[in-house]
């Protein structure tokens, strides 16, 4: 999150007309951070797990008004990652933003005037949209809360009372990453290279809950797919993690749904690479030397005619692109 923002906005209301922008970074190409840019997390929908998840984007350092517009425009345009989906509908009418500074205070709040089309959304779509906006816009530390309007009328709760300012503590739908007890970890994930003939690494900073095993988060990221457009998903996105993930005596035990088998391509290099994308990613972690993959709780001795999953597997660096060169 952005820290120590010093930009001042005169007390009162500043109107921002939201215009569609063409992003300089497109199609998931890795972003190169310049000295005048700061990373913020925008929250989009992961349709596999039906939850909001963060995608880190770069914002130019500017005054509060301009930074607010940048973040909102990126949120409106949608994610770069193919694993995530935009939440905000493409309304035909203009969305209007007001950045308000409280009198005798440095606290600033964002007021958003949604178009009349907002009223056509279902209650669940409304909640998801407001949560995506609140979690994304409050990445800017100077935005302390958000109030939603349709025209000049403030949105109402089900009891008819004004909804008031929304923040991360009172939105109905929270993302997978909650504000309490969240750490970040840098992990190395393996996906197919462009021709699907080898594995290639993608290093990623992820959010983890320290009360849960990091191994689980690594596999979740594999299922979500690569962010680098030059890489290809190595685990079918329909795959689900079943039960607990645990590591004992250097062996990580991971139980996957049958979709890992049913949706995985047969023949060629794909089955072997898909298995070792998991094995090699998990054995990057300290303390994990081998991986036992279970399918619906069972050990398979013949995965797609290519791999024996009846025993723990060690990493295979020979499957990594460029190994030995």
C-alpha atoms as a PDB file:
ATOM      1  CA  UNK A   1       0.000   0.000   0.000  1.00  0.00           C
ATOM      2  CA  UNK A   2       1.059   3.539  -0.650  1.00  0.00           C
ATOM      3  CA  UNK A   3       2.663   5.234   2.341  1.00  0.00           C
ATOM      4  CA  UNK A   4       3.143   8.838   3.425  1.00  0.00           C
ATOM      5  CA  UNK A   5       1.279  10.441   0.528  1.00  0.00           C
ATOM      6  CA  UNK A   6       1.703  14.203   0.894  1.00  0.00           C
ATOM      7  CA  UNK A   7      -0.534  15.474  -1.913  1.00  0.00           C
ATOM      8  CA  UNK A   8      -3.145  17.912  -0.639  1.00  0.00           C
ATOM      9  CA  UNK A   9      -6.582  18.554  -2.073  1.00  0.00           C
ATOM     10  CA  UNK A  10      -8.507  21.660  -1.029  1.00  0.00           C
ATOM     11  CA  UNK A  11     -11.506  21.015   1.188  1.00  0.00           C
ATOM     12  CA  UNK A  12     -14.598  20.384  -0.845  1.00  0.00           C
ATOM     13  CA  UNK A  13     -15.279  18.273  -3.846  1.00  0.00           C
ATOM     14  CA  UNK A  14     -13.142  17.589  -6.870  1.00  0.00           C
ATOM     15  CA  UNK A  15     -14.863  15.928  -9.793  1.00  0.00           C
ATOM     16  CA  UNK A  16     -13.100  13.363 -11.901  1.00  0.00           C
ATOM     17  CA  UNK A  17     -14.693  12.190 -15.113  1.00  0.00           C
ATOM     18  CA  UNK A  18     -13.587   8.620 -15.663  1.00  0.00           C
ATOM     19  CA  UNK A  19     -12.375   8.037 -19.199  1.00  0.00           C
ATOM     20  CA  UNK A  20     -11.377   4.762 -20.752  1.00  0.00           C
ATOM     21  CA  UNK A  21      -7.631   4.533 -21.088  1.00  0.00           C
ATOM     22  CA  UNK A  22      -5.356   2.341 -23.157  1.00  0.00           C
ATOM     23  CA  UNK A  23      -2.954   0.630 -20.810  1.00  0.00           C
ATOM     24  CA  UNK A  24       0.716   0.839 -21.689  1.00  0.00           C
ATOM     25  CA  UNK A  25       1.101  -2.704 -20.384  1.00  0.00           C
ATOM     26  CA  UNK A  26      -1.040  -5.228 -22.261  1.00  0.00           C
ATOM     27  CA  UNK A  27      -1.739  -8.936 -22.540  1.00  0.00           C
ATOM     28  CA  UNK A  28       0.048  -9.902 -19.341  1.00  0.00           C
ATOM     29  CA  UNK A  29       3.535  -8.812 -20.379  1.00  0.00           C
ATOM     30  CA  UNK A  30       5.665  -8.527 -17.223  1.00  0.00           C
ATOM     31  CA  UNK A  31       5.695  -5.016 -15.817  1.00  0.00           C
ATOM     32  CA  UNK A  32       8.981  -3.192 -15.378  1.00  0.00           C
ATOM     33  CA  UNK A  33       8.834  -0.819 -12.421  1.00  0.00           C
ATOM     34  CA  UNK A  34      10.351   2.628 -12.893  1.00  0.00           C
ATOM     35  CA  UNK A  35      11.552   4.965 -10.171  1.00  0.00           C
ATOM     36  CA  UNK A  36       8.363   7.018 -10.257  1.00  0.00           C
ATOM     37  CA  UNK A  37       5.990   4.082  -9.959  1.00  0.00           C
ATOM     38  CA  UNK A  38       4.507   2.230  -7.001  1.00  0.00           C
ATOM     39  CA  UNK A  39       2.819  -1.177  -6.930  1.00  0.00           C
ATOM     40  CA  UNK A  40      -0.797  -1.499  -5.791  1.00  0.00           C
ATOM     41  CA  UNK A  41      -3.046  -4.552  -5.601  1.00  0.00           C
ATOM     42  CA  UNK A  42      -6.273  -4.520  -7.596  1.00  0.00           C
ATOM     43  CA  UNK A  43      -8.899  -7.129  -6.758  1.00  0.00           C
ATOM     44  CA  UNK A  44     -10.493  -9.154  -9.553  1.00  0.00           C
ATOM     45  CA  UNK A  45     -12.586 -12.328  -9.636  1.00  0.00           C
ATOM     46  CA  UNK A  46     -11.057 -15.787  -9.703  1.00  0.00           C
ATOM     47  CA  UNK A  47     -13.937 -17.712 -11.269  1.00  0.00           C
ATOM     48  CA  UNK A  48     -12.447 -21.080 -10.324  1.00  0.00           C
ATOM     49  CA  UNK A  49     -12.676 -20.356  -6.599  1.00  0.00           C
ATOM     50  CA  UNK A  50     -15.399 -17.672  -6.849  1.00  0.00           C
ATOM     51  CA  UNK A  51     -13.450 -15.150  -4.803  1.00  0.00           C
ATOM     52  CA  UNK A  52     -11.607 -11.892  -5.226  1.00  0.00           C
ATOM     53  CA  UNK A  53      -7.843 -12.127  -5.607  1.00  0.00           C
ATOM     54  CA  UNK A  54      -5.168  -9.438  -5.965  1.00  0.00           C
ATOM     55  CA  UNK A  55      -3.217  -8.538  -9.080  1.00  0.00           C
ATOM     56  CA  UNK A  56      -0.313  -6.145  -8.539  1.00  0.00           C
ATOM     57  CA  UNK A  57      -0.254  -3.192 -10.931  1.00  0.00           C
ATOM     58  CA  UNK A  58       1.988  -0.158 -11.289  1.00  0.00           C
ATOM     59  CA  UNK A  59       0.739   3.371 -10.632  1.00  0.00           C
ATOM     60  CA  UNK A  60       2.620   6.557 -11.460  1.00  0.00           C
ATOM     61  CA  UNK A  61       3.409   8.671  -8.417  1.00  0.00           C
ATOM     62  CA  UNK A  62       1.294  11.805  -8.669  1.00  0.00           C
ATOM     63  CA  UNK A  63      -1.129  13.851  -6.631  1.00  0.00           C
ATOM     64  CA  UNK A  64      -4.036  12.111  -4.960  1.00  0.00           C
ATOM     65  CA  UNK A  65      -6.540  13.028  -7.646  1.00  0.00           C
ATOM     66  CA  UNK A  66      -4.469  11.611 -10.498  1.00  0.00           C
ATOM     67  CA  UNK A  67      -3.492   8.439  -8.610  1.00  0.00           C
ATOM     68  CA  UNK A  68      -7.147   7.815  -7.767  1.00  0.00           C
ATOM     69  CA  UNK A  69      -8.048   8.064 -11.437  1.00  0.00           C
ATOM     70  CA  UNK A  70      -5.212   5.740 -12.484  1.00  0.00           C
ATOM     71  CA  UNK A  71      -6.265   2.999 -10.070  1.00  0.00           C
ATOM     72  CA  UNK A  72      -9.944   3.264 -10.960  1.00  0.00           C
ATOM     73  CA  UNK A  73      -9.238   3.198 -14.704  1.00  0.00           C
ATOM     74  CA  UNK A  74      -7.129   0.041 -14.303  1.00  0.00           C
ATOM     75  CA  UNK A  75      -9.880  -1.567 -12.243  1.00  0.00           C
ATOM     76  CA  UNK A  76     -12.443  -0.647 -14.893  1.00  0.00           C
ATOM     77  CA  UNK A  77     -10.325  -2.031 -17.731  1.00  0.00           C
ATOM     78  CA  UNK A  78      -9.841  -5.383 -16.000  1.00  0.00           C
ATOM     79  CA  UNK A  79      -6.943  -7.712 -15.136  1.00  0.00           C
ATOM     80  CA  UNK A  80      -3.873  -8.506 -17.191  1.00  0.00           C
ATOM     81  CA  UNK A  81      -3.823 -12.104 -15.942  1.00  0.00           C
ATOM     82  CA  UNK A  82      -5.919 -14.616 -17.850  1.00  0.00           C
ATOM     83  CA  UNK A  83      -6.622 -16.368 -14.548  1.00  0.00           C
ATOM     84  CA  UNK A  84      -8.717 -13.443 -13.279  1.00  0.00           C
ATOM     85  CA  UNK A  85     -11.885 -11.750 -14.547  1.00  0.00           C
ATOM     86  CA  UNK A  86     -13.039  -8.131 -14.443  1.00  0.00           C
ATOM     87  CA  UNK A  87     -15.778  -7.454 -11.910  1.00  0.00           C
ATOM     88  CA  UNK A  88     -16.989  -4.044 -13.052  1.00  0.00           C
ATOM     89  CA  UNK A  89     -19.549  -4.067 -15.879  1.00  0.00           C
ATOM     90  CA  UNK A  90     -18.902  -1.904 -18.918  1.00  0.00           C
ATOM     91  CA  UNK A  91     -21.588   0.642 -18.164  1.00  0.00           C
ATOM     92  CA  UNK A  92     -22.882   2.795 -21.011  1.00  0.00           C
ATOM     93  CA  UNK A  93     -22.965   5.849 -18.759  1.00  0.00           C
ATOM     94  CA  UNK A  94     -20.065   7.704 -17.199  1.00  0.00           C
ATOM     95  CA  UNK A  95     -18.982   6.887 -13.644  1.00  0.00           C
ATOM     96  CA  UNK A  96     -18.178  10.018 -11.677  1.00  0.00           C
ATOM     97  CA  UNK A  97     -15.677  10.209  -8.821  1.00  0.00           C
ATOM     98  CA  UNK A  98     -15.413  12.776  -6.060  1.00  0.00           C
ATOM     99  CA  UNK A  99     -12.387  12.928  -3.808  1.00  0.00           C
ATOM    100  CA  UNK A 100     -13.435  14.676  -0.613  1.00  0.00           C
ATOM    101  CA  UNK A 101     -11.225  16.017   2.160  1.00  0.00           C
ATOM    102  CA  UNK A 102     -12.854  16.322   5.551  1.00  0.00           C
ATOM    103  CA  UNK A 103     -12.790  19.804   7.017  1.00  0.00           C
ATOM    104  CA  UNK A 104     -10.024  20.284   9.603  1.00  0.00           C
ATOM    105  CA  UNK A 105      -8.634  16.851   8.756  1.00  0.00           C
ATOM    106  CA  UNK A 106      -6.171  15.221   6.380  1.00  0.00           C
ATOM    107  CA  UNK A 107      -8.514  12.256   5.901  1.00  0.00           C
ATOM    108  CA  UNK A 108      -9.883  11.859   2.410  1.00  0.00           C
ATOM    109  CA  UNK A 109     -12.817   9.811   1.196  1.00  0.00           C
ATOM    110  CA  UNK A 110     -13.926   8.748  -2.242  1.00  0.00           C
ATOM    111  CA  UNK A 111     -17.502   9.234  -3.404  1.00  0.00           C
ATOM    112  CA  UNK A 112     -18.551   7.270  -6.478  1.00  0.00           C
ATOM    113  CA  UNK A 113     -21.653   8.086  -8.483  1.00  0.00           C
ATOM    114  CA  UNK A 114     -22.688   4.881 -10.247  1.00  0.00           C
ATOM    115  CA  UNK A 115     -24.916   5.043 -13.342  1.00  0.00           C
ATOM    116  CA  UNK A 116     -28.583   3.997 -13.302  1.00  0.00           C
ATOM    117  CA  UNK A 117     -27.504   0.711 -14.901  1.00  0.00           C
ATOM    118  CA  UNK A 118     -26.142  -0.251 -11.486  1.00  0.00           C
ATOM    119  CA  UNK A 119     -29.736  -0.937 -10.412  1.00  0.00           C
ATOM    120  CA  UNK A 120     -29.949  -3.826 -12.897  1.00  0.00           C
ATOM    121  CA  UNK A 121     -27.287  -5.796 -10.988  1.00  0.00           C
ATOM    122  CA  UNK A 122     -28.318  -8.641  -8.709  1.00  0.00           C
ATOM    123  CA  UNK A 123     -27.642  -8.239  -4.960  1.00  0.00           C
ATOM    124  CA  UNK A 124     -24.685 -10.639  -5.173  1.00  0.00           C
ATOM    125  CA  UNK A 125     -23.256  -8.763  -8.178  1.00  0.00           C
ATOM    126  CA  UNK A 126     -23.615  -5.471  -6.283  1.00  0.00           C
ATOM    127  CA  UNK A 127     -21.784  -6.853  -3.247  1.00  0.00           C
ATOM    128  CA  UNK A 128     -18.966  -8.286  -5.342  1.00  0.00           C
ATOM    129  CA  UNK A 129     -18.577  -5.037  -7.285  1.00  0.00           C
ATOM    130  CA  UNK A 130     -18.506  -2.849  -4.173  1.00  0.00           C
ATOM    131  CA  UNK A 131     -15.983  -5.155  -2.509  1.00  0.00           C
ATOM    132  CA  UNK A 132     -13.711  -5.106  -5.564  1.00  0.00           C
ATOM    133  CA  UNK A 133     -13.826  -1.311  -5.630  1.00  0.00           C
ATOM    134  CA  UNK A 134     -13.341  -0.861  -1.874  1.00  0.00           C
ATOM    135  CA  UNK A 135     -10.400  -3.256  -1.578  1.00  0.00           C
ATOM    136  CA  UNK A 136      -8.714  -1.847  -4.695  1.00  0.00           C
ATOM    137  CA  UNK A 137      -9.206   1.870  -4.075  1.00  0.00           C
ATOM    138  CA  UNK A 138      -8.205   1.710  -0.405  1.00  0.00           C
ATOM    139  CA  UNK A 139      -4.825   0.415  -1.542  1.00  0.00           C
ATOM    140  CA  UNK A 140      -4.212   4.154  -1.738  1.00  0.00           C
ATOM    141  CA  UNK A 141      -3.583   4.997   1.898  1.00  0.00           C
ATOM    142  CA  UNK A 142      -5.078   8.457   1.615  1.00  0.00           C
ATOM    143  CA  UNK A 143      -8.498   6.969   0.758  1.00  0.00           C
ATOM    144  CA  UNK A 144     -10.056   6.052   4.105  1.00  0.00           C
ATOM    145  CA  UNK A 145     -13.423   4.885   2.819  1.00  0.00           C
ATOM    146  CA  UNK A 146     -15.843   4.970  -0.098  1.00  0.00           C
ATOM    147  CA  UNK A 147     -19.442   6.118  -0.341  1.00  0.00           C
ATOM    148  CA  UNK A 148     -21.617   4.950  -3.234  1.00  0.00           C
ATOM    149  CA  UNK A 149     -24.369   6.922  -4.948  1.00  0.00           C
ATOM    150  CA  UNK A 150     -26.733   6.521  -7.873  1.00  0.00           C
ATOM    151  CA  UNK A 151     -26.912  10.067  -9.146  1.00  0.00           C
ATOM    152  CA  UNK A 152     -27.331  12.235  -6.057  1.00  0.00           C
ATOM    153  CA  UNK A 153     -28.950   9.478  -3.987  1.00  0.00           C
ATOM    154  CA  UNK A 154     -26.780   7.501  -1.599  1.00  0.00           C
ATOM    155  CA  UNK A 155     -27.076   3.723  -1.756  1.00  0.00           C
ATOM    156  CA  UNK A 156     -29.274   2.292   0.971  1.00  0.00           C
ATOM    157  CA  UNK A 157     -28.953  -0.827   3.091  1.00  0.00           C
ATOM    158  CA  UNK A 158     -31.721  -3.424   3.169  1.00  0.00           C
ATOM    159  CA  UNK A 159     -33.241  -1.669   6.189  1.00  0.00           C
ATOM    160  CA  UNK A 160     -33.555   1.550   4.193  1.00  0.00           C
ATOM    161  CA  UNK A 161     -30.773   3.376   6.019  1.00  0.00           C
ATOM    162  CA  UNK A 162     -27.917   5.031   4.080  1.00  0.00           C
ATOM    163  CA  UNK A 163     -25.032   2.634   3.505  1.00  0.00           C
ATOM    164  CA  UNK A 164     -22.439   5.198   4.598  1.00  0.00           C
ATOM    165  CA  UNK A 165     -18.720   4.952   3.995  1.00  0.00           C
ATOM    166  CA  UNK A 166     -17.470   1.485   3.103  1.00  0.00           C
ATOM    167  CA  UNK A 167     -14.010   0.255   4.054  1.00  0.00           C
ATOM    168  CA  UNK A 168     -12.214  -3.056   4.400  1.00  0.00           C
ATOM    169  CA  UNK A 169     -13.812  -3.653   7.756  1.00  0.00           C
ATOM    170  CA  UNK A 170     -17.455  -3.472   6.701  1.00  0.00           C
ATOM    171  CA  UNK A 171     -17.794  -4.682   3.110  1.00  0.00           C
ATOM    172  CA  UNK A 172     -19.928  -7.801   2.818  1.00  0.00           C
ATOM    173  CA  UNK A 173     -17.628  -9.832   0.585  1.00  0.00           C
ATOM    174  CA  UNK A 174     -13.967 -10.053   1.553  1.00  0.00           C
ATOM    175  CA  UNK A 175     -11.228 -11.280  -0.780  1.00  0.00           C
ATOM    176  CA  UNK A 176      -9.292 -14.437  -0.088  1.00  0.00           C
ATOM    177  CA  UNK A 177      -6.652 -12.254   1.548  1.00  0.00           C
ATOM    178  CA  UNK A 178      -8.049 -10.760   4.721  1.00  0.00           C
ATOM    179  CA  UNK A 179      -6.387  -7.829   6.493  1.00  0.00           C
ATOM    180  CA  UNK A 180      -5.534  -9.876   9.568  1.00  0.00           C
ATOM    181  CA  UNK A 181      -2.411 -11.993   9.799  1.00  0.00           C
ATOM    182  CA  UNK A 182      -1.265 -11.795   6.187  1.00  0.00           C
ATOM    183  CA  UNK A 183       2.335 -12.223   5.104  1.00  0.00           C
ATOM    184  CA  UNK A 184       4.038 -12.139   1.726  1.00  0.00           C
ATOM    185  CA  UNK A 185       6.365 -14.794   0.379  1.00  0.00           C
ATOM    186  CA  UNK A 186       8.415 -15.020  -2.799  1.00  0.00           C
ATOM    187  CA  UNK A 187       7.880 -18.382  -4.481  1.00  0.00           C
ATOM    188  CA  UNK A 188       9.081 -20.022  -7.680  1.00  0.00           C
ATOM    189  CA  UNK A 189       6.356 -21.604  -9.788  1.00  0.00           C
ATOM    190  CA  UNK A 190       6.783 -23.832 -12.822  1.00  0.00           C
ATOM    191  CA  UNK A 191       4.590 -23.629 -15.904  1.00  0.00           C
ATOM    192  CA  UNK A 192       4.851 -24.952 -19.459  1.00  0.00           C
ATOM    193  CA  UNK A 193       7.074 -22.975 -21.783  1.00  0.00           C
ATOM    194  CA  UNK A 194       5.663 -21.686 -25.068  1.00  0.00           C
ATOM    195  CA  UNK A 195       5.899 -24.955 -26.993  1.00  0.00           C
ATOM    196  CA  UNK A 196       4.860 -27.061 -23.965  1.00  0.00           C
ATOM    197  CA  UNK A 197       8.041 -29.100 -24.257  1.00  0.00           C
ATOM    198  CA  UNK A 198       9.614 -28.058 -20.947  1.00  0.00           C
ATOM    199  CA  UNK A 199       8.956 -26.265 -17.689  1.00  0.00           C
ATOM    200  CA  UNK A 200       9.866 -22.637 -17.155  1.00  0.00           C
ATOM    201  CA  UNK A 201       9.999 -20.745 -13.862  1.00  0.00           C
ATOM    202  CA  UNK A 202       8.024 -17.696 -12.821  1.00  0.00           C
ATOM    203  CA  UNK A 203       8.971 -15.975  -9.585  1.00  0.00           C
ATOM    204  CA  UNK A 204       6.017 -14.399  -7.796  1.00  0.00           C
ATOM    205  CA  UNK A 205       5.297 -12.570  -4.562  1.00  0.00           C
ATOM    206  CA  UNK A 206       2.153 -14.037  -3.009  1.00  0.00           C
ATOM    207  CA  UNK A 207       0.036 -13.388   0.056  1.00  0.00           C
ATOM    208  CA  UNK A 208      -0.095 -16.185   2.611  1.00  0.00           C
ATOM    209  CA  UNK A 209      -1.825 -16.773   5.898  1.00  0.00           C
ATOM    210  CA  UNK A 210       0.848 -17.905   8.375  1.00  0.00           C
ATOM    211  CA  UNK A 211      -1.727 -20.170  10.034  1.00  0.00           C
ATOM    212  CA  UNK A 212      -1.947 -22.251   6.856  1.00  0.00           C
ATOM    213  CA  UNK A 213       0.785 -24.205   5.056  1.00  0.00           C
ATOM    214  CA  UNK A 214       2.537 -22.276   2.314  1.00  0.00           C
ATOM    215  CA  UNK A 215       2.440 -25.450   0.219  1.00  0.00           C
ATOM    216  CA  UNK A 216      -1.303 -24.939  -0.215  1.00  0.00           C
ATOM    217  CA  UNK A 217      -0.820 -21.407  -1.507  1.00  0.00           C
ATOM    218  CA  UNK A 218       1.843 -22.573  -3.975  1.00  0.00           C
ATOM    219  CA  UNK A 219      -0.520 -25.127  -5.517  1.00  0.00           C
ATOM    220  CA  UNK A 220      -3.329 -22.567  -5.612  1.00  0.00           C
ATOM    221  CA  UNK A 221      -1.077 -20.249  -7.597  1.00  0.00           C
ATOM    222  CA  UNK A 222      -0.230 -23.063 -10.016  1.00  0.00           C
ATOM    223  CA  UNK A 223      -3.936 -23.715 -10.563  1.00  0.00           C
ATOM    224  CA  UNK A 224      -4.563 -20.002 -11.125  1.00  0.00           C
ATOM    225  CA  UNK A 225      -2.057 -20.057 -13.997  1.00  0.00           C
ATOM    226  CA  UNK A 226       0.907 -17.916 -15.069  1.00  0.00           C
ATOM    227  CA  UNK A 227       0.995 -14.128 -15.231  1.00  0.00           C
ATOM    228  CA  UNK A 228       3.758 -14.153 -17.808  1.00  0.00           C
ATOM    229  CA  UNK A 229       2.089 -14.248 -21.239  1.00  0.00           C
ATOM    230  CA  UNK A 230       4.971 -16.321 -22.597  1.00  0.00           C
ATOM    231  CA  UNK A 231       4.151 -19.216 -20.274  1.00  0.00           C
ATOM    232  CA  UNK A 232       1.268 -21.711 -20.409  1.00  0.00           C
ATOM    233  CA  UNK A 233      -0.810 -23.131 -17.554  1.00  0.00           C
ATOM    234  CA  UNK A 234       0.624 -26.417 -16.308  1.00  0.00           C
ATOM    235  CA  UNK A 235      -2.263 -27.529 -14.072  1.00  0.00           C
ATOM    236  CA  UNK A 236      -5.884 -27.700 -15.310  1.00  0.00           C
ATOM    237  CA  UNK A 237      -7.779 -24.716 -13.839  1.00  0.00           C
ATOM    238  CA  UNK A 238     -10.658 -27.015 -12.839  1.00  0.00           C
ATOM    239  CA  UNK A 239      -8.359 -28.797 -10.365  1.00  0.00           C
ATOM    240  CA  UNK A 240      -9.275 -28.392  -6.705  1.00  0.00           C
ATOM    241  CA  UNK A 241      -7.273 -29.043  -3.552  1.00  0.00           C
ATOM    242  CA  UNK A 242      -9.083 -31.527  -1.326  1.00  0.00           C
ATOM    243  CA  UNK A 243      -8.493 -31.632   2.412  1.00  0.00           C
ATOM    244  CA  UNK A 244      -5.388 -30.503   4.223  1.00  0.00           C
ATOM    245  CA  UNK A 245      -1.944 -30.050   2.709  1.00  0.00           C
ATOM    246  CA  UNK A 246       0.847 -31.226   4.982  1.00  0.00           C
ATOM    247  CA  UNK A 247       4.563 -31.924   4.926  1.00  0.00           C
ATOM    248  CA  UNK A 248       5.962 -34.699   7.095  1.00  0.00           C
ATOM    249  CA  UNK A 249       9.572 -35.907   7.147  1.00  0.00           C
ATOM    250  CA  UNK A 250      10.345 -33.914   4.018  1.00  0.00           C
ATOM    251  CA  UNK A 251       7.388 -35.283   2.034  1.00  0.00           C
ATOM    252  CA  UNK A 252       4.568 -32.938   1.031  1.00  0.00           C
ATOM    253  CA  UNK A 253       1.188 -34.668   0.693  1.00  0.00           C
ATOM    254  CA  UNK A 254      -1.275 -32.959  -1.647  1.00  0.00           C
ATOM    255  CA  UNK A 255      -4.719 -34.373  -2.487  1.00  0.00           C
ATOM    256  CA  UNK A 256      -6.157 -33.137  -5.811  1.00  0.00           C
ATOM    257  CA  UNK A 257      -9.584 -33.607  -7.337  1.00  0.00           C
ATOM    258  CA  UNK A 258     -10.102 -35.999 -10.227  1.00  0.00           C
ATOM    259  CA  UNK A 259     -10.191 -32.994 -12.571  1.00  0.00           C
ATOM    260  CA  UNK A 260      -6.395 -33.054 -12.508  1.00  0.00           C
ATOM    261  CA  UNK A 261      -6.622 -36.368 -14.371  1.00  0.00           C
ATOM    262  CA  UNK A 262      -9.762 -35.794 -16.452  1.00  0.00           C
ATOM    263  CA  UNK A 263      -8.778 -32.352 -17.750  1.00  0.00           C
ATOM    264  CA  UNK A 264      -5.097 -33.127 -18.294  1.00  0.00           C
ATOM    265  CA  UNK A 265      -3.977 -33.786 -21.849  1.00  0.00           C
ATOM    266  CA  UNK A 266      -3.006 -37.370 -22.617  1.00  0.00           C
ATOM    267  CA  UNK A 267       0.132 -38.323 -24.481  1.00  0.00           C
ATOM    268  CA  UNK A 268       3.218 -36.339 -25.334  1.00  0.00           C
ATOM    269  CA  UNK A 269       5.082 -34.385 -22.676  1.00  0.00           C
ATOM    270  CA  UNK A 270       2.063 -32.770 -20.998  1.00  0.00           C
ATOM    271  CA  UNK A 271       1.251 -35.366 -18.289  1.00  0.00           C
ATOM    272  CA  UNK A 272       4.838 -35.615 -17.075  1.00  0.00           C
ATOM    273  CA  UNK A 273       5.357 -31.859 -17.141  1.00  0.00           C
ATOM    274  CA  UNK A 274       2.051 -31.222 -15.347  1.00  0.00           C
ATOM    275  CA  UNK A 275       3.024 -33.527 -12.490  1.00  0.00           C
ATOM    276  CA  UNK A 276       6.529 -32.119 -12.195  1.00  0.00           C
ATOM    277  CA  UNK A 277       5.274 -28.543 -12.351  1.00  0.00           C
ATOM    278  CA  UNK A 278       3.755 -29.342  -8.955  1.00  0.00           C
ATOM    279  CA  UNK A 279       6.706 -31.350  -7.683  1.00  0.00           C
ATOM    280  CA  UNK A 280       9.357 -28.840  -8.741  1.00  0.00           C
ATOM    281  CA  UNK A 281       7.372 -25.867  -7.418  1.00  0.00           C
ATOM    282  CA  UNK A 282       6.823 -27.461  -4.006  1.00  0.00           C
ATOM    283  CA  UNK A 283      10.403 -28.686  -3.664  1.00  0.00           C
ATOM    284  CA  UNK A 284      11.545 -25.080  -4.057  1.00  0.00           C
ATOM    285  CA  UNK A 285      10.269 -24.670  -0.492  1.00  0.00           C
ATOM    286  CA  UNK A 286      12.588 -25.258   2.418  1.00  0.00           C
ATOM    287  CA  UNK A 287      11.817 -28.582   4.076  1.00  0.00           C
ATOM    288  CA  UNK A 288      10.105 -30.185   1.076  1.00  0.00           C
ATOM    289  CA  UNK A 289      12.238 -32.869  -0.567  1.00  0.00           C
ATOM    290  CA  UNK A 290       9.561 -35.037  -2.180  1.00  0.00           C
ATOM    291  CA  UNK A 291       5.890 -34.724  -3.137  1.00  0.00           C
ATOM    292  CA  UNK A 292       3.162 -37.356  -2.864  1.00  0.00           C
ATOM    293  CA  UNK A 293       0.265 -36.503  -5.172  1.00  0.00           C
ATOM    294  CA  UNK A 294      -3.057 -38.141  -4.360  1.00  0.00           C
ATOM    295  CA  UNK A 295      -6.097 -38.074  -6.648  1.00  0.00           C
ATOM    296  CA  UNK A 296      -9.365 -38.065  -4.714  1.00  0.00           C
ATOM    297  CA  UNK A 297      -7.426 -39.569  -1.814  1.00  0.00           C
ATOM    298  CA  UNK A 298      -5.979 -42.425  -3.859  1.00  0.00           C
ATOM    299  CA  UNK A 299      -2.487 -43.209  -5.149  1.00  0.00           C
ATOM    300  CA  UNK A 300      -2.323 -43.789  -8.885  1.00  0.00           C
ATOM    301  CA  UNK A 301       0.273 -46.117 -10.340  1.00  0.00           C
ATOM    302  CA  UNK A 302      -0.481 -45.031 -13.912  1.00  0.00           C
ATOM    303  CA  UNK A 303      -1.188 -41.363 -14.545  1.00  0.00           C
ATOM    304  CA  UNK A 304      -2.006 -40.976 -18.237  1.00  0.00           C
ATOM    305  CA  UNK A 305       0.351 -43.841 -18.993  1.00  0.00           C
ATOM    306  CA  UNK A 306       3.274 -41.584 -18.166  1.00  0.00           C
ATOM    307  CA  UNK A 307       3.886 -41.196 -14.421  1.00  0.00           C
ATOM    308  CA  UNK A 308       3.678 -43.471 -11.392  1.00  0.00           C
ATOM    309  CA  UNK A 309       2.006 -41.507  -8.591  1.00  0.00           C
ATOM    310  CA  UNK A 310       1.979 -44.375  -6.117  1.00  0.00           C
ATOM    311  CA  UNK A 311       5.111 -43.070  -4.394  1.00  0.00           C
ATOM    312  CA  UNK A 312       6.620 -39.687  -3.434  1.00  0.00           C
ATOM    313  CA  UNK A 313       8.421 -37.972  -6.304  1.00  0.00           C
ATOM    314  CA  UNK A 314      11.663 -36.011  -6.180  1.00  0.00           C
ATOM    315  CA  UNK A 315      12.168 -32.885  -8.288  1.00  0.00           C
ATOM    316  CA  UNK A 316      13.462 -33.305 -11.838  1.00  0.00           C
ATOM    317  CA  UNK A 317      15.507 -30.326 -12.961  1.00  0.00           C
ATOM    318  CA  UNK A 318      16.129 -31.942 -16.348  1.00  0.00           C
ATOM    319  CA  UNK A 319      12.559 -30.978 -17.307  1.00  0.00           C
ATOM    320  CA  UNK A 320      13.304 -27.270 -16.849  1.00  0.00           C
ATOM    321  CA  UNK A 321      13.999 -25.284 -20.019  1.00  0.00           C
ATOM    322  CA  UNK A 322      17.690 -24.532 -20.422  1.00  0.00           C
ATOM    323  CA  UNK A 323      18.806 -27.010 -17.766  1.00  0.00           C
ATOM    324  CA  UNK A 324      22.443 -28.001 -18.197  1.00  0.00           C
ATOM    325  CA  UNK A 325      23.223 -25.270 -20.721  1.00  0.00           C
END
